[in-house]
C-alpha atoms as a PDB file:
ATOM      1  CA  MET A   1      -7.492   7.405  21.017  1.00  0.00           C
ATOM      2  CA  VAL A   2      -5.201   6.625  18.107  1.00  0.00           C
ATOM      3  CA  PHE A   3      -5.725   7.305  14.463  1.00  0.00           C
ATOM      4  CA  ILE A   4      -4.089   4.773  11.683  1.00  0.00           C
ATOM      5  CA  LYS A   5      -4.154   4.862   8.121  1.00  0.00           C
ATOM      6  CA  LYS A   6      -5.169   1.231   7.466  1.00  0.00           C
ATOM      7  CA  PRO A   7      -5.457  -0.315   4.107  1.00  0.00           C
ATOM      8  CA  LYS A   8      -9.415   0.085   3.864  1.00  0.00           C
ATOM      9  CA  LEU A   9     -10.794   1.752   0.499  1.00  0.00           C
ATOM     10  CA  ASN A  10     -12.941   4.871   0.343  1.00  0.00           C
ATOM     11  CA  ARG A  11     -14.617   4.098  -2.740  1.00  0.00           C
ATOM     12  CA  GLU A  12     -15.651   7.640  -3.796  1.00  0.00           C
ATOM     13  CA  PHE A  13     -12.179   9.100  -3.129  1.00  0.00           C
ATOM     14  CA  GLY A  14     -10.278   6.170  -3.756  1.00  0.00           C
ATOM     15  CA  LEU A  15      -8.171   7.638  -0.230  1.00  0.00           C
ATOM     16  CA  LEU A  16      -6.833   5.821   2.892  1.00  0.00           C
ATOM     17  CA  VAL A  17      -9.285   6.637   5.398  1.00  0.00           C
ATOM     18  CA  TRP A  18      -8.548   6.852   9.006  1.00  0.00           C
ATOM     19  CA  VAL A  19      -9.288   4.478  11.519  1.00  0.00           C
ATOM     20  CA  PRO A  20      -9.807   5.170  15.173  1.00  0.00           C
ATOM     21  CA  MET A  21      -8.311   2.945  17.374  1.00  0.00           C
ATOM     22  CA  LYS A  22      -7.283   1.882  21.205  1.00  0.00           C
ATOM     23  CA  ARG A  23      -3.459   2.245  22.176  1.00  0.00           C
ATOM     24  CA  GLY A  24      -4.163  -0.813  24.051  1.00  0.00           C
ATOM     25  CA  ASP A  25      -4.654  -2.118  20.481  1.00  0.00           C
ATOM     26  CA  LEU A  26      -1.514  -1.838  19.486  1.00  0.00           C
ATOM     27  CA  SER A  27       1.394  -4.204  19.591  1.00  0.00           C
ATOM     28  CA  HIS A  28       4.425  -3.044  22.328  1.00  0.00           C
ATOM     29  CA  THR A  29       6.467  -2.188  18.859  1.00  0.00           C
ATOM     30  CA  ILE A  30       4.178  -0.223  17.117  1.00  0.00           C
ATOM     31  CA  ARG A  31       3.262   2.085  20.251  1.00  0.00           C
ATOM     32  CA  GLU A  32       7.161   2.933  20.488  1.00  0.00           C
ATOM     33  CA  THR A  33       6.865   4.189  16.912  1.00  0.00           C
ATOM     34  CA  LEU A  34       4.033   6.584  18.346  1.00  0.00           C
ATOM     35  CA  LYS A  35       3.975  10.313  17.022  1.00  0.00           C
ATOM     36  CA  ARG A  36       1.535  12.620  17.779  1.00  0.00           C
ATOM     37  CA  LEU A  37       0.800  14.865  14.297  1.00  0.00           C
ATOM     38  CA  PRO A  38       0.525  18.637  14.029  1.00  0.00           C
ATOM     39  CA  PRO A  39      -2.207  20.816  14.722  1.00  0.00           C
ATOM     40  CA  PRO A  40      -4.653  20.901  14.678  1.00  0.00           C
ATOM     41  CA  TYR A  41      -4.458  17.683  14.744  1.00  0.00           C
ATOM     42  CA  ASP A  42      -2.553  17.497  17.930  1.00  0.00           C
ATOM     43  CA  SER A  43      -4.535  15.528  20.035  1.00  0.00           C
ATOM     44  CA  HIS A  44      -3.708  12.195  17.766  1.00  0.00           C
ATOM     45  CA  TYR A  45      -0.995  10.291  16.947  1.00  0.00           C
ATOM     46  CA  GLY A  46       0.437   8.551  13.393  1.00  0.00           C
ATOM     47  CA  ILE A  47       2.721   5.608  12.945  1.00  0.00           C
ATOM     48  CA  VAL A  48       5.906   6.066  11.842  1.00  0.00           C
ATOM     49  CA  PRO A  49       7.441   3.399   9.382  1.00  0.00           C
ATOM     50  CA  PRO A  50      10.727   2.023  10.199  1.00  0.00           C
ATOM     51  CA  ALA A  51      13.367   3.252   7.419  1.00  0.00           C
ATOM     52  CA  PRO A  52      14.261   0.534   5.238  1.00  0.00           C
ATOM     53  CA  PRO A  53      16.862  -1.965   5.052  1.00  0.00           C
ATOM     54  CA  GLU A  54      20.096  -0.927   2.602  1.00  0.00           C
ATOM     55  CA  ASP A  55      20.838  -4.003   1.892  1.00  0.00           C
ATOM     56  CA  GLY A  56      16.837  -4.816   0.496  1.00  0.00           C
ATOM     57  CA  VAL A  57      14.881  -7.364   1.456  1.00  0.00           C
ATOM     58  CA  PHE A  58      14.675 -10.665   0.793  1.00  0.00           C
ATOM     59  CA  ALA A  59      11.584 -11.902  -0.890  1.00  0.00           C
ATOM     60  CA  PRO A  60      12.007 -16.123  -1.908  1.00  0.00           C
ATOM     61  CA  GLY A  61       9.851 -16.552  -4.105  1.00  0.00           C
ATOM     62  CA  ALA A  62       8.999 -13.083  -5.373  1.00  0.00           C
ATOM     63  CA  THR A  63      11.012 -13.727  -8.752  1.00  0.00           C
ATOM     64  CA  LYS A  64       8.907 -16.175 -10.099  1.00  0.00           C
ATOM     65  CA  ALA A  65       5.553 -14.343  -9.293  1.00  0.00           C
ATOM     66  CA  LEU A  66       7.325 -11.444 -10.870  1.00  0.00           C
ATOM     67  CA  GLU A  67       8.748 -13.134 -13.806  1.00  0.00           C
ATOM     68  CA  ALA A  68       4.901 -14.480 -14.595  1.00  0.00           C
ATOM     69  CA  ALA A  69       3.886 -10.956 -14.281  1.00  0.00           C
ATOM     70  CA  GLN A  70       5.464  -9.809 -16.848  1.00  0.00           C
ATOM     71  CA  ALA A  71       5.158 -12.584 -19.010  1.00  0.00           C
ATOM     72  CA  ALA A  72       1.399 -11.894 -18.668  1.00  0.00           C
ATOM     73  CA  PHE A  73       2.134  -8.520 -19.108  1.00  0.00           C
ATOM     74  CA  GLY A  74       4.074  -9.288 -22.841  1.00  0.00           C
ATOM     75  CA  LYS A  75       0.848 -11.608 -23.813  1.00  0.00           C
ATOM     76  CA  VAL A  76      -1.571  -8.452 -23.409  1.00  0.00           C
ATOM     77  CA  ASP A  77       0.821  -6.562 -25.361  1.00  0.00           C
ATOM     78  CA  ALA A  78       0.046  -8.749 -28.324  1.00  0.00           C
ATOM     79  CA  ILE A  79      -2.546  -9.247 -27.997  1.00  0.00           C
ATOM     80  CA  ALA A  80      -3.416  -5.192 -27.330  1.00  0.00           C
ATOM     81  CA  ALA A  81      -1.257  -5.480 -31.135  1.00  0.00           C
ATOM     82  CA  GLN A  82      -3.648  -6.890 -33.062  1.00  0.00           C
ATOM     83  CA  MET A  83      -6.563  -5.344 -31.973  1.00  0.00           C
ATOM     84  CA  LYS A  84      -7.889  -2.171 -33.530  1.00  0.00           C
ATOM     85  CA  ASP A  85      -8.525  -0.140 -30.823  1.00  0.00           C
ATOM     86  CA  PRO A  86      -5.719  -0.987 -28.593  1.00  0.00           C
ATOM     87  CA  TYR A  87      -7.091   0.561 -25.085  1.00  0.00           C
ATOM     88  CA  ILE A  88     -10.149  -1.499 -24.966  1.00  0.00           C
ATOM     89  CA  VAL A  89      -6.651  -3.241 -23.152  1.00  0.00           C
ATOM     90  CA  ALA A  90      -6.956  -0.924 -20.511  1.00  0.00           C
ATOM     91  CA  GLY A  91      -7.063  -1.766 -17.273  1.00  0.00           C
ATOM     92  CA  SER A  92      -9.752   0.033 -14.546  1.00  0.00           C
END
């Protein structure tokens, strides 16, 4: 059995949790990256992600989304600056 960190949030602790998977559920490419975990978990494997590309990642459309997000934060900052208690504008 292979344990892989999947984006499954444990609301009590706010952590990613280990999800058991069968080796056959994984693609060949992912199976090639499996590495045995150190003791006391040496009966399990983890996935070693590939190194990030040296030239960065091309993400068309990301610039527009980033600009929109920055503009939204600017609006929130302007609203917070006008409030008596700017800490009301805080993420939860």
